[in-house]
C-alpha atoms as a PDB file:
ATOM      1  CA  MET A   1     -11.208  -3.038 -12.023  1.00  0.00           C
ATOM      2  CA  LEU A   2     -10.406  -3.971  -8.077  1.00  0.00           C
ATOM      3  CA  ARG A   3      -8.800  -6.980  -8.699  1.00  0.00           C
ATOM      4  CA  GLN A   4      -5.463  -7.131  -6.825  1.00  0.00           C
ATOM      5  CA  LYS A   5      -6.168  -3.887  -4.830  1.00  0.00           C
ATOM      6  CA  CYS A   6      -5.157  -2.937  -1.628  1.00  0.00           C
ATOM      7  CA  ARG A   7      -6.637   0.291   0.645  1.00  0.00           C
ATOM      8  CA  VAL A   8      -4.173   1.528   2.932  1.00  0.00           C
ATOM      9  CA  THR A   9      -3.734   3.952   5.663  1.00  0.00           C
ATOM     10  CA  PRO A  10      -1.014   5.484   7.045  1.00  0.00           C
ATOM     11  CA  LYS A  11       0.114   5.148  10.576  1.00  0.00           C
ATOM     12  CA  SER A  12       3.897   6.684  10.909  1.00  0.00           C
ATOM     13  CA  GLU A  13       5.485   9.909   9.992  1.00  0.00           C
ATOM     14  CA  LYS A  14       6.901   8.730   7.541  1.00  0.00           C
ATOM     15  CA  ALA A  15       4.051   6.400   6.092  1.00  0.00           C
ATOM     16  CA  LYS A  16       2.500  10.349   5.956  1.00  0.00           C
ATOM     17  CA  TYR A  17       4.804  11.274   4.040  1.00  0.00           C
ATOM     18  CA  THR A  18       5.103   8.254   1.741  1.00  0.00           C
ATOM     19  CA  TYR A  19       1.380   8.705   1.216  1.00  0.00           C
ATOM     20  CA  ALA A  20       0.725  12.434   0.652  1.00  0.00           C
ATOM     21  CA  THR A  21       4.494  12.365  -2.065  1.00  0.00           C
ATOM     22  CA  TYR A  22       4.219   9.452  -3.688  1.00  0.00           C
ATOM     23  CA  LEU A  23       0.856   8.091  -3.910  1.00  0.00           C
ATOM     24  CA  ASN A  24      -0.941  10.934  -3.863  1.00  0.00           C
ATOM     25  CA  SER A  25      -2.755  10.701  -0.769  1.00  0.00           C
ATOM     26  CA  ASN A  26      -5.011   8.229  -2.685  1.00  0.00           C
ATOM     27  CA  SER A  27      -5.429   4.975  -0.663  1.00  0.00           C
ATOM     28  CA  ILE A  28      -6.200   2.754  -3.024  1.00  0.00           C
ATOM     29  CA  CYS A  29      -2.821   0.797  -4.540  1.00  0.00           C
ATOM     30  CA  HIS A  30      -1.753  -1.712  -6.781  1.00  0.00           C
ATOM     31  CA  ILE A  31      -0.582  -5.185  -4.983  1.00  0.00           C
ATOM     32  CA  GLU A  32       2.246  -6.437  -7.450  1.00  0.00           C
ATOM     33  CA  HIS A  33       3.694  -9.158  -5.257  1.00  0.00           C
ATOM     34  CA  LYS A  34       2.691 -11.503  -2.123  1.00  0.00           C
ATOM     35  CA  ARG A  35       5.005 -13.068   0.342  1.00  0.00           C
ATOM     36  CA  SER A  36       4.020 -15.163   3.501  1.00  0.00           C
ATOM     37  CA  HIS A  37       5.433 -12.227   5.368  1.00  0.00           C
ATOM     38  CA  ARG A  38       5.673  -8.822   3.217  1.00  0.00           C
ATOM     39  CA  TRP A  39       3.169  -7.334   0.272  1.00  0.00           C
ATOM     40  CA  PHE A  40       5.094  -5.524  -2.225  1.00  0.00           C
ATOM     41  CA  LEU A  41       2.487  -2.564  -3.623  1.00  0.00           C
ATOM     42  CA  SER A  42       2.656   0.314  -6.107  1.00  0.00           C
ATOM     43  CA  ALA A  43       0.814   3.729  -6.486  1.00  0.00           C
ATOM     44  CA  ILE A  44      -1.995   3.654  -8.645  1.00  0.00           C
ATOM     45  CA  GLN A  45      -1.177   7.181  -9.908  1.00  0.00           C
ATOM     46  CA  ASN A  46       3.209   6.601 -10.056  1.00  0.00           C
ATOM     47  CA  PRO A  47       3.487   2.708 -10.428  1.00  0.00           C
ATOM     48  CA  ASP A  48       7.073   2.928 -10.908  1.00  0.00           C
ATOM     49  CA  TYR A  49       6.612   4.166  -7.092  1.00  0.00           C
ATOM     50  CA  TRP A  50       6.825   0.293  -4.645  1.00  0.00           C
ATOM     51  CA  PHE A  51       6.633   0.151  -1.071  1.00  0.00           C
ATOM     52  CA  TRP A  52       6.355  -3.016   1.146  1.00  0.00           C
ATOM     53  CA  VAL A  53       3.484  -3.721   4.449  1.00  0.00           C
ATOM     54  CA  ASP A  54       4.265  -6.336   6.507  1.00  0.00           C
ATOM     55  CA  VAL A  55       2.197  -9.272   7.041  1.00  0.00           C
ATOM     56  CA  PRO A  56       0.164  -9.577   9.585  1.00  0.00           C
ATOM     57  CA  ILE A  57       0.982  -6.417  10.990  1.00  0.00           C
ATOM     58  CA  ASP A  58       3.079  -3.222   9.200  1.00  0.00           C
ATOM     59  CA  LYS A  59       3.883  -0.335  11.957  1.00  0.00           C
ATOM     60  CA  ASN A  60       3.532   2.214   9.671  1.00  0.00           C
ATOM     61  CA  TRP A  61       1.000   1.259   7.306  1.00  0.00           C
ATOM     62  CA  ASP A  62      -3.162  -0.114   8.019  1.00  0.00           C
ATOM     63  CA  TYR A  63      -3.941  -2.348   5.493  1.00  0.00           C
ATOM     64  CA  GLN A  64      -6.583  -3.996   3.878  1.00  0.00           C
ATOM     65  CA  GLU A  65      -7.422  -6.205   0.397  1.00  0.00           C
ATOM     66  CA  ILE A  66     -10.347  -5.244  -1.286  1.00  0.00           C
ATOM     67  CA  THR A  67     -11.925  -8.430  -2.552  1.00  0.00           C
ATOM     68  CA  SER A  68     -15.491  -7.759  -4.424  1.00  0.00           C
END
């Protein structure tokens, strides 16, 4: 099921470390909560680890909501 999912790609070195360590190099994340300026995401394989992306442009992550 793809509801409330997001694809992320790291841009910064910090994000690349997070991607490899906490997301297990899996680009699909679960959208936990959306605010007007920030989305909170959790790793699929590590749901206790949450991080955020700033909307509309984040300096650490490229992201895209999966809608279909």
